[in-house]
């Protein structure tokens, strides 16, 4: 029997949201799936089945937006129907929407739509999520993976490493202007990934670790 993974749900859910007009990216901040359309934000948490953890995650995301869904695989057979209906009703009481994905053909069905949740939103969390969404290039992750996530910070660090690989040690201001990464000097100084080294005041080059891991390649790894 093939084990269902959360990542199996991502592509159908992404297509469903894109068809509704949202730009969609995976693993943004704490959320499995984020869709943005103008000022609207929709968040979807993916799971291979209903669980207390899934509901807890959904409720936590309501601090960011009212539009929170959970997505699970479509049930098979009558035995699971009563349990599923009970879970949908519970989600309605929590003001959380419910999606199911038919894995055979990727059809997504909406069983409940979210409603406004009364607890106060967190502007700081909302701003962090939108900031990460806007800075991230493309959609390099798969929703529900739970593994190493390619963040906007890592993408920016890769741009810096690629520039240094092509041009050699350079002043931080020059790297910032050439790559469009405004905080280039700070990132190279902090050196979170160990890719950079200080050559002289304000000048940075690639460290051996950066070259060994391929950070200096034309397309650094995520």
Protein backbone atom coordinates (compact mmCIF):
# COMPACT_ATOMS: atom_id res chain seq x y z
CA UNK A 1 0.00 0.00 0.00
CA UNK A 2 1.41 3.37 -1.03
CA UNK A 3 1.91 5.73 1.88
CA UNK A 4 0.26 9.12 1.38
CA UNK A 5 2.56 12.07 2.01
CA UNK A 6 1.64 15.66 2.72
CA UNK A 7 3.69 16.68 -0.33
CA UNK A 8 1.27 14.70 -2.54
CA UNK A 9 -1.40 17.27 -1.71
CA UNK A 10 0.61 20.36 -2.58
CA UNK A 11 0.39 20.48 -6.36
CA UNK A 12 -3.42 20.00 -6.52
CA UNK A 13 -3.98 22.56 -3.73
CA UNK A 14 -1.64 25.04 -5.42
CA UNK A 15 -3.49 24.61 -8.73
CA UNK A 16 -6.82 25.09 -6.95
CA UNK A 17 -5.73 28.38 -5.39
CA UNK A 18 -4.07 29.63 -8.58
CA UNK A 19 -7.31 28.98 -10.46
CA UNK A 20 -9.00 31.30 -7.95
CA UNK A 21 -6.48 34.05 -8.75
CA UNK A 22 -3.90 33.63 -5.97
CA UNK A 23 -0.12 33.63 -6.31
CA UNK A 24 0.97 30.57 -4.35
CA UNK A 25 4.18 29.58 -2.57
CA UNK A 26 5.02 26.73 -0.19
CA UNK A 27 6.60 26.65 3.26
CA UNK A 28 6.42 30.40 3.90
CA UNK A 29 7.07 31.11 7.57
CA UNK A 30 5.11 28.55 9.63
CA UNK A 31 2.55 27.83 6.88
CA UNK A 32 2.56 24.85 4.49
CA UNK A 33 0.88 26.82 1.69
CA UNK A 34 0.31 30.56 1.29
CA UNK A 35 -1.77 32.25 -1.40
CA UNK A 36 -1.72 36.02 -1.88
CA UNK A 37 -4.05 38.08 -4.04
CA UNK A 38 -3.79 41.80 -3.44
CA UNK A 39 -4.41 42.34 0.27
CA UNK A 40 -5.95 38.87 0.70
CA UNK A 41 -4.00 36.02 2.29
CA UNK A 42 -5.10 32.39 2.36
CA UNK A 43 -3.20 29.74 4.31
CA UNK A 44 -3.56 25.98 3.87
CA UNK A 45 -2.17 23.35 6.23
CA UNK A 46 -1.57 19.94 4.64
CA UNK A 47 -1.87 16.60 6.39
CA UNK A 48 -2.26 12.96 5.37
CA UNK A 49 -5.27 12.79 7.72
CA UNK A 50 -7.15 14.69 10.39
CA UNK A 51 -5.34 15.02 13.69
CA UNK A 52 -5.24 17.25 16.75
CA UNK A 53 -1.92 18.64 15.52
CA UNK A 54 -3.52 19.70 12.23
CA UNK A 55 -6.30 21.58 14.02
CA UNK A 56 -3.81 23.22 16.38
CA UNK A 57 -1.75 24.41 13.41
CA UNK A 58 -4.84 25.78 11.67
CA UNK A 59 -5.93 27.72 14.75
CA UNK A 60 -2.42 29.14 15.16
CA UNK A 61 -2.49 30.41 11.55
CA UNK A 62 -5.66 32.38 12.34
CA UNK A 63 -3.36 34.91 14.00
CA UNK A 64 -2.24 35.76 10.46
CA UNK A 65 -5.48 35.59 8.45
CA UNK A 66 -9.11 34.54 8.72
CA UNK A 67 -8.79 32.50 5.52
CA UNK A 68 -7.30 29.28 6.89
CA UNK A 69 -7.98 25.85 5.37
CA UNK A 70 -6.87 22.34 6.20
CA UNK A 71 -6.36 19.93 3.29
CA UNK A 72 -6.48 16.14 3.57
CA UNK A 73 -6.78 13.26 1.08
CA UNK A 74 -10.31 12.32 -0.02
CA UNK A 75 -11.68 9.48 2.09
CA UNK A 76 -12.38 6.07 0.53
CA UNK A 77 -15.55 4.11 1.27
CA UNK A 78 -18.47 4.65 3.65
CA UNK A 79 -16.67 3.77 6.93
CA UNK A 80 -14.73 7.02 6.90
CA UNK A 81 -17.66 9.24 5.96
CA UNK A 82 -19.15 9.73 9.43
CA UNK A 83 -15.75 10.52 10.95
CA UNK A 84 -15.04 12.94 8.13
CA UNK A 85 -18.37 14.75 8.59
CA UNK A 86 -17.61 15.09 12.29
CA UNK A 87 -14.22 16.60 11.54
CA UNK A 88 -15.75 19.05 9.06
CA UNK A 89 -18.26 20.15 11.68
CA UNK A 90 -15.46 20.63 14.20
CA UNK A 91 -13.56 22.76 11.68
CA UNK A 92 -16.67 24.88 11.10
CA UNK A 93 -16.89 25.52 14.84
CA UNK A 94 -13.23 26.58 14.76
CA UNK A 95 -13.97 28.82 11.73
CA UNK A 96 -11.50 26.76 9.65
CA UNK A 97 -12.14 25.72 6.04
CA UNK A 98 -11.76 22.14 4.78
CA UNK A 99 -10.41 20.90 1.45
CA UNK A 100 -10.03 17.33 0.26
CA UNK A 101 -7.79 16.14 -2.57
CA UNK A 102 -8.64 13.16 -4.75
CA UNK A 103 -5.14 11.88 -5.38
CA UNK A 104 -6.08 9.84 -8.44
CA UNK A 105 -6.72 12.95 -10.53
CA UNK A 106 -5.87 15.92 -8.28
CA UNK A 107 -9.45 17.16 -7.94
CA UNK A 108 -9.86 19.48 -4.94
CA UNK A 109 -13.26 19.77 -3.24
CA UNK A 110 -14.27 22.49 -0.79
CA UNK A 111 -16.31 21.08 2.12
CA UNK A 112 -16.28 24.19 4.30
CA UNK A 113 -15.09 27.76 3.92
CA UNK A 114 -13.39 29.63 6.78
CA UNK A 115 -15.19 32.36 8.68
CA UNK A 116 -13.76 35.37 10.51
CA UNK A 117 -12.08 34.31 13.73
CA UNK A 118 -12.55 36.64 16.68
CA UNK A 119 -9.14 36.42 18.43
CA UNK A 120 -6.83 39.35 17.67
CA UNK A 121 -4.47 39.05 14.73
CA UNK A 122 -0.74 39.55 15.08
CA UNK A 123 0.39 42.35 12.73
CA UNK A 124 4.03 41.39 13.32
CA UNK A 125 3.47 37.77 12.25
CA UNK A 126 1.44 38.87 9.25
CA UNK A 127 4.18 41.32 8.23
CA UNK A 128 6.91 38.66 8.60
CA UNK A 129 4.96 36.18 6.47
CA UNK A 130 4.23 38.73 3.73
CA UNK A 131 7.83 39.95 3.81
CA UNK A 132 9.19 36.45 3.33
CA UNK A 133 6.64 35.79 0.57
CA UNK A 134 7.59 38.95 -1.32
CA UNK A 135 11.36 38.47 -1.03
CA UNK A 136 11.40 34.80 -2.02
CA UNK A 137 12.21 34.16 -5.69
CA UNK A 138 9.88 31.66 -7.33
CA UNK A 139 8.50 28.68 -5.39
CA UNK A 140 11.51 26.44 -4.58
CA UNK A 141 9.83 24.31 -1.89
CA UNK A 142 7.11 21.64 -1.75
CA UNK A 143 4.30 22.22 0.75
CA UNK A 144 4.17 19.67 3.57
CA UNK A 145 7.78 18.54 3.10
CA UNK A 146 8.82 19.47 6.64
CA UNK A 147 12.45 19.29 5.55
CA UNK A 148 15.08 21.92 4.73
CA UNK A 149 13.35 25.02 3.43
CA UNK A 150 14.84 27.39 0.87
CA UNK A 151 14.19 30.81 2.40
CA UNK A 152 14.52 34.27 0.87
CA UNK A 153 17.59 34.76 3.10
CA UNK A 154 19.27 31.68 1.62
CA UNK A 155 18.38 32.80 -1.89
CA UNK A 156 19.96 36.20 -1.20
CA UNK A 157 23.08 34.55 0.23
CA UNK A 158 23.32 32.43 -2.91
CA UNK A 159 23.20 35.59 -5.06
CA UNK A 160 26.09 37.06 -3.07
CA UNK A 161 28.12 33.86 -3.37
CA UNK A 162 27.52 33.65 -7.11
CA UNK A 163 28.68 37.26 -7.55
CA UNK A 164 31.85 36.69 -5.54
CA UNK A 165 32.57 33.50 -7.50
CA UNK A 166 32.37 35.46 -10.74
CA UNK A 167 34.11 38.68 -9.65
CA UNK A 168 36.33 37.76 -6.73
CA UNK A 169 36.56 39.57 -3.39
CA UNK A 170 34.53 42.77 -3.48
CA UNK A 171 33.32 45.62 -1.32
CA UNK A 172 29.99 44.99 0.35
CA UNK A 173 28.46 48.11 -1.21
CA UNK A 174 29.47 46.93 -4.68
CA UNK A 175 27.99 43.49 -4.10
CA UNK A 176 24.78 45.02 -2.75
CA UNK A 177 24.33 47.23 -5.80
CA UNK A 178 25.14 44.47 -8.29
CA UNK A 179 22.90 41.81 -6.74
CA UNK A 180 20.07 43.97 -5.46
CA UNK A 181 20.55 42.53 -1.95
CA UNK A 182 20.52 45.66 0.18
CA UNK A 183 21.90 44.00 3.31
CA UNK A 184 24.75 42.24 1.51
CA UNK A 185 27.50 43.61 3.78
CA UNK A 186 25.67 42.57 6.94
CA UNK A 187 24.91 39.09 5.57
CA UNK A 188 28.53 38.48 4.59
CA UNK A 189 29.72 39.76 7.97
CA UNK A 190 27.29 37.55 9.92
CA UNK A 191 28.17 34.65 7.57
CA UNK A 192 25.30 32.42 8.62
CA UNK A 193 26.16 29.61 6.17
CA UNK A 194 29.95 29.89 6.46
CA UNK A 195 30.27 30.80 2.78
CA UNK A 196 32.08 34.15 3.16
CA UNK A 197 35.28 35.53 4.64
CA UNK A 198 36.47 39.05 5.39
CA UNK A 199 39.47 39.96 3.23
CA UNK A 200 39.89 43.55 4.42
CA UNK A 201 37.66 46.19 6.01
CA UNK A 202 34.37 46.15 4.08
CA UNK A 203 35.70 43.65 1.52
CA UNK A 204 34.55 40.02 1.40
CA UNK A 205 35.33 36.94 -0.63
CA UNK A 206 34.23 33.32 -0.78
CA UNK A 207 35.43 31.09 2.04
CA UNK A 208 36.67 27.54 1.32
CA UNK A 209 33.40 26.20 2.73
CA UNK A 210 31.50 28.23 0.16
CA UNK A 211 33.52 26.79 -2.70
CA UNK A 212 33.40 23.23 -1.34
CA UNK A 213 29.61 23.23 -0.99
CA UNK A 214 29.12 24.70 -4.43
CA UNK A 215 27.91 28.02 -3.07
CA UNK A 216 30.05 29.75 -5.61
CA UNK A 217 28.56 27.93 -8.55
CA UNK A 218 26.45 29.75 -11.10
CA UNK A 219 23.32 28.26 -9.54
CA UNK A 220 24.12 27.60 -5.86
CA UNK A 221 22.21 24.79 -4.18
CA UNK A 222 19.06 25.57 -2.23
